[in-house]
């Protein structure tokens, strides 16, 4: 079991399911290294065309960056 399985399950159920977001691509980085990527949903919901890695990479998808600072003791 992957440590990011909960992230994928949340995306599939909540983001692309309950909130009806057409498609979502999440990337998790640490120190500029890609740790995890998960894509769900559709690039065209009506035609049931799945969202692909290239669509997110080439700017078809709107994006947001969320960062978290280091935890303090």
N, C-alpha and C. Protein backbone atom coordinates (compact mmCIF):
# COMPACT_ATOMS: atom_id res chain seq x y z
N UNK A 1 0.84 -1.18 0.00
CA UNK A 1 0.00 0.00 0.00
C UNK A 1 0.89 1.25 0.00
N UNK A 2 0.62 2.14 -0.92
CA UNK A 2 1.35 3.39 -1.09
C UNK A 2 0.93 4.40 -0.01
N UNK A 3 1.86 5.20 0.46
CA UNK A 3 1.50 6.17 1.50
C UNK A 3 0.63 7.30 0.99
N UNK A 4 0.47 7.41 -0.32
CA UNK A 4 -0.38 8.43 -0.90
C UNK A 4 -1.74 7.88 -1.34
N UNK A 5 -2.04 6.65 -0.99
CA UNK A 5 -3.33 6.05 -1.37
C UNK A 5 -4.52 6.83 -0.82
N UNK A 6 -4.37 7.42 0.36
CA UNK A 6 -5.46 8.22 0.94
C UNK A 6 -5.72 9.47 0.11
N UNK A 7 -4.67 10.06 -0.43
CA UNK A 7 -4.82 11.24 -1.29
C UNK A 7 -5.60 10.86 -2.54
N UNK A 8 -5.23 9.76 -3.17
CA UNK A 8 -5.92 9.30 -4.38
C UNK A 8 -7.38 8.98 -4.09
N UNK A 9 -7.65 8.31 -3.00
CA UNK A 9 -9.02 7.96 -2.64
C UNK A 9 -9.86 9.21 -2.40
N UNK A 10 -9.28 10.20 -1.73
CA UNK A 10 -9.99 11.46 -1.48
C UNK A 10 -10.31 12.16 -2.80
N UNK A 11 -9.34 12.22 -3.69
CA UNK A 11 -9.56 12.87 -4.98
C UNK A 11 -10.68 12.18 -5.76
N UNK A 12 -10.61 10.87 -5.86
CA UNK A 12 -11.60 10.13 -6.63
C UNK A 12 -13.00 10.29 -6.05
N UNK A 13 -13.12 10.18 -4.73
CA UNK A 13 -14.44 10.21 -4.08
C UNK A 13 -14.98 11.63 -3.92
N UNK A 14 -14.17 12.52 -3.40
CA UNK A 14 -14.66 13.84 -3.03
C UNK A 14 -14.50 14.87 -4.14
N UNK A 15 -13.28 15.07 -4.61
CA UNK A 15 -13.03 16.13 -5.58
C UNK A 15 -13.73 15.84 -6.91
N UNK A 16 -13.44 14.68 -7.49
CA UNK A 16 -14.02 14.36 -8.80
C UNK A 16 -15.42 13.76 -8.67
N UNK A 17 -15.80 13.30 -7.49
CA UNK A 17 -17.10 12.69 -7.29
C UNK A 17 -18.11 13.65 -6.71
N UNK A 18 -18.07 13.85 -5.41
CA UNK A 18 -19.06 14.66 -4.71
C UNK A 18 -19.05 16.13 -5.13
N UNK A 19 -17.88 16.70 -5.43
CA UNK A 19 -17.81 18.12 -5.79
C UNK A 19 -17.92 18.35 -7.29
N UNK A 20 -18.01 17.28 -8.05
CA UNK A 20 -18.23 17.33 -9.50
C UNK A 20 -17.18 18.15 -10.26
N UNK A 21 -15.95 18.11 -9.78
CA UNK A 21 -14.86 18.74 -10.52
C UNK A 21 -14.60 17.86 -11.74
N UNK A 22 -14.59 18.44 -12.94
CA UNK A 22 -14.43 17.61 -14.15
C UNK A 22 -13.14 16.80 -14.16
N UNK A 23 -12.03 17.39 -13.72
CA UNK A 23 -10.76 16.69 -13.71
C UNK A 23 -9.80 17.33 -12.74
N UNK A 24 -8.87 16.54 -12.23
CA UNK A 24 -7.93 17.04 -11.24
C UNK A 24 -6.61 16.30 -11.39
N UNK A 25 -5.52 17.04 -11.28
CA UNK A 25 -4.18 16.47 -11.39
C UNK A 25 -3.40 17.00 -10.19
N UNK A 26 -2.94 16.11 -9.34
CA UNK A 26 -2.20 16.54 -8.15
C UNK A 26 -0.76 16.02 -8.24
N UNK A 27 0.16 16.91 -7.93
CA UNK A 27 1.57 16.57 -7.89
C UNK A 27 2.10 16.95 -6.52
N UNK A 28 2.86 16.07 -5.91
CA UNK A 28 3.45 16.35 -4.61
C UNK A 28 4.97 16.28 -4.77
N UNK A 29 5.60 17.39 -4.42
CA UNK A 29 7.06 17.51 -4.52
C UNK A 29 7.67 17.70 -3.15
N UNK A 30 8.91 17.27 -3.03
CA UNK A 30 9.73 17.59 -1.86
C UNK A 30 11.13 17.88 -2.39
N UNK A 31 11.64 19.04 -2.02
CA UNK A 31 12.98 19.47 -2.46
C UNK A 31 13.15 19.33 -3.98
N UNK A 32 12.13 19.76 -4.71
CA UNK A 32 12.12 19.76 -6.18
C UNK A 32 12.09 18.37 -6.80
N UNK A 33 11.84 17.35 -6.01
CA UNK A 33 11.71 15.98 -6.52
C UNK A 33 10.24 15.58 -6.49
N UNK A 34 9.73 15.07 -7.60
CA UNK A 34 8.35 14.61 -7.66
C UNK A 34 8.21 13.33 -6.85
N UNK A 35 7.36 13.37 -5.82
CA UNK A 35 7.14 12.19 -4.99
C UNK A 35 5.92 11.40 -5.44
N UNK A 36 4.91 12.11 -5.95
CA UNK A 36 3.64 11.44 -6.25
C UNK A 36 2.85 12.26 -7.26
N UNK A 37 2.12 11.56 -8.12
CA UNK A 37 1.21 12.21 -9.06
C UNK A 37 -0.01 11.33 -9.24
N UNK A 38 -1.18 11.96 -9.23
CA UNK A 38 -2.44 11.24 -9.45
C UNK A 38 -3.37 12.12 -10.27
N UNK A 39 -3.97 11.54 -11.28
CA UNK A 39 -4.89 12.24 -12.17
C UNK A 39 -6.23 11.54 -12.10
N UNK A 40 -7.31 12.33 -11.96
CA UNK A 40 -8.64 11.74 -12.01
C UNK A 40 -9.57 12.65 -12.79
N UNK A 41 -10.65 12.11 -13.28
CA UNK A 41 -11.65 12.89 -13.98
C UNK A 41 -11.44 12.92 -15.48
N UNK A 42 -12.09 13.89 -16.10
CA UNK A 42 -12.14 13.96 -17.55
C UNK A 42 -11.69 15.31 -18.09
N UNK A 43 -11.08 15.29 -19.27
CA UNK A 43 -10.80 16.54 -19.98
C UNK A 43 -12.07 16.99 -20.70
N UNK A 44 -12.92 16.03 -21.06
CA UNK A 44 -14.23 16.31 -21.66
C UNK A 44 -15.24 15.37 -21.00
N UNK A 45 -15.97 15.89 -20.04
CA UNK A 45 -16.89 15.05 -19.26
C UNK A 45 -18.00 14.47 -20.12
N UNK A 46 -18.57 15.29 -21.02
CA UNK A 46 -19.68 14.81 -21.85
C UNK A 46 -19.27 13.65 -22.76
N UNK A 47 -18.08 13.76 -23.33
CA UNK A 47 -17.57 12.70 -24.22
C UNK A 47 -16.85 11.59 -23.45
N UNK A 48 -16.73 11.73 -22.11
CA UNK A 48 -16.05 10.76 -21.26
C UNK A 48 -14.60 10.52 -21.68
N UNK A 49 -13.90 11.61 -22.04
CA UNK A 49 -12.48 11.52 -22.40
C UNK A 49 -11.66 11.79 -21.14
N UNK A 50 -10.90 10.80 -20.68
CA UNK A 50 -10.14 10.96 -19.43
C UNK A 50 -9.07 12.06 -19.53
N UNK A 51 -8.85 12.71 -18.41
CA UNK A 51 -7.77 13.68 -18.30
C UNK A 51 -6.45 12.90 -18.34
N UNK A 52 -5.49 13.40 -19.09
CA UNK A 52 -4.20 12.71 -19.20
C UNK A 52 -3.07 13.57 -18.65
N UNK A 53 -1.95 12.95 -18.46
CA UNK A 53 -0.78 13.62 -17.91
C UNK A 53 -0.35 14.80 -18.78
N UNK A 54 -0.39 14.66 -20.09
CA UNK A 54 0.05 15.72 -20.99
C UNK A 54 -0.82 16.95 -20.93
N UNK A 55 -2.11 16.79 -20.69
CA UNK A 55 -3.00 17.94 -20.64
C UNK A 55 -2.67 18.83 -19.46
N UNK A 56 -2.39 18.25 -18.31
CA UNK A 56 -2.02 19.04 -17.15
C UNK A 56 -0.67 19.71 -17.33
N UNK A 57 0.26 19.01 -17.95
CA UNK A 57 1.61 19.52 -18.15
C UNK A 57 1.64 20.69 -19.13
N UNK A 58 0.76 20.69 -20.12
CA UNK A 58 0.80 21.70 -21.18
C UNK A 58 -0.16 22.85 -20.95
N UNK A 59 -0.64 23.03 -19.73
CA UNK A 59 -1.38 24.23 -19.40
C UNK A 59 -2.86 24.23 -19.76
N UNK A 60 -3.44 23.10 -20.13
CA UNK A 60 -4.87 23.06 -20.43
C UNK A 60 -5.66 23.17 -19.13
N UNK A 61 -5.08 22.70 -18.05
CA UNK A 61 -5.74 22.69 -16.76
C UNK A 61 -5.33 23.94 -15.98
N UNK A 62 -6.29 24.60 -15.33
CA UNK A 62 -5.95 25.70 -14.42
C UNK A 62 -5.27 25.09 -13.20
N UNK A 63 -4.39 25.82 -12.58
CA UNK A 63 -3.65 25.24 -11.47
C UNK A 63 -3.57 26.16 -10.26
N UNK A 64 -3.26 25.56 -9.17
CA UNK A 64 -3.01 26.30 -7.94
C UNK A 64 -1.85 25.61 -7.23
N UNK A 65 -1.02 26.40 -6.60
CA UNK A 65 0.11 25.84 -5.84
C UNK A 65 -0.14 26.11 -4.36
N UNK A 66 0.00 25.08 -3.59
CA UNK A 66 -0.18 25.19 -2.15
C UNK A 66 1.09 24.67 -1.50
N UNK A 67 1.68 25.48 -0.66
CA UNK A 67 2.89 25.07 0.02
C UNK A 67 2.69 25.01 1.51
N UNK A 68 3.55 24.29 2.17
CA UNK A 68 3.51 24.21 3.62
C UNK A 68 4.92 24.40 4.14
N UNK A 69 5.05 25.26 5.10
CA UNK A 69 6.35 25.49 5.69
C UNK A 69 6.79 24.30 6.53
N UNK A 70 8.02 24.33 6.94
CA UNK A 70 8.54 23.26 7.78
C UNK A 70 7.91 23.32 9.16
N UNK A 71 7.67 22.17 9.73
CA UNK A 71 7.10 22.10 11.08
C UNK A 71 8.14 22.56 12.08
N UNK A 72 7.67 23.28 13.06
CA UNK A 72 8.59 23.75 14.10
C UNK A 72 8.45 22.88 15.34
N UNK A 73 9.57 22.65 16.02
CA UNK A 73 9.51 21.79 17.23
C UNK A 73 8.73 22.42 18.36
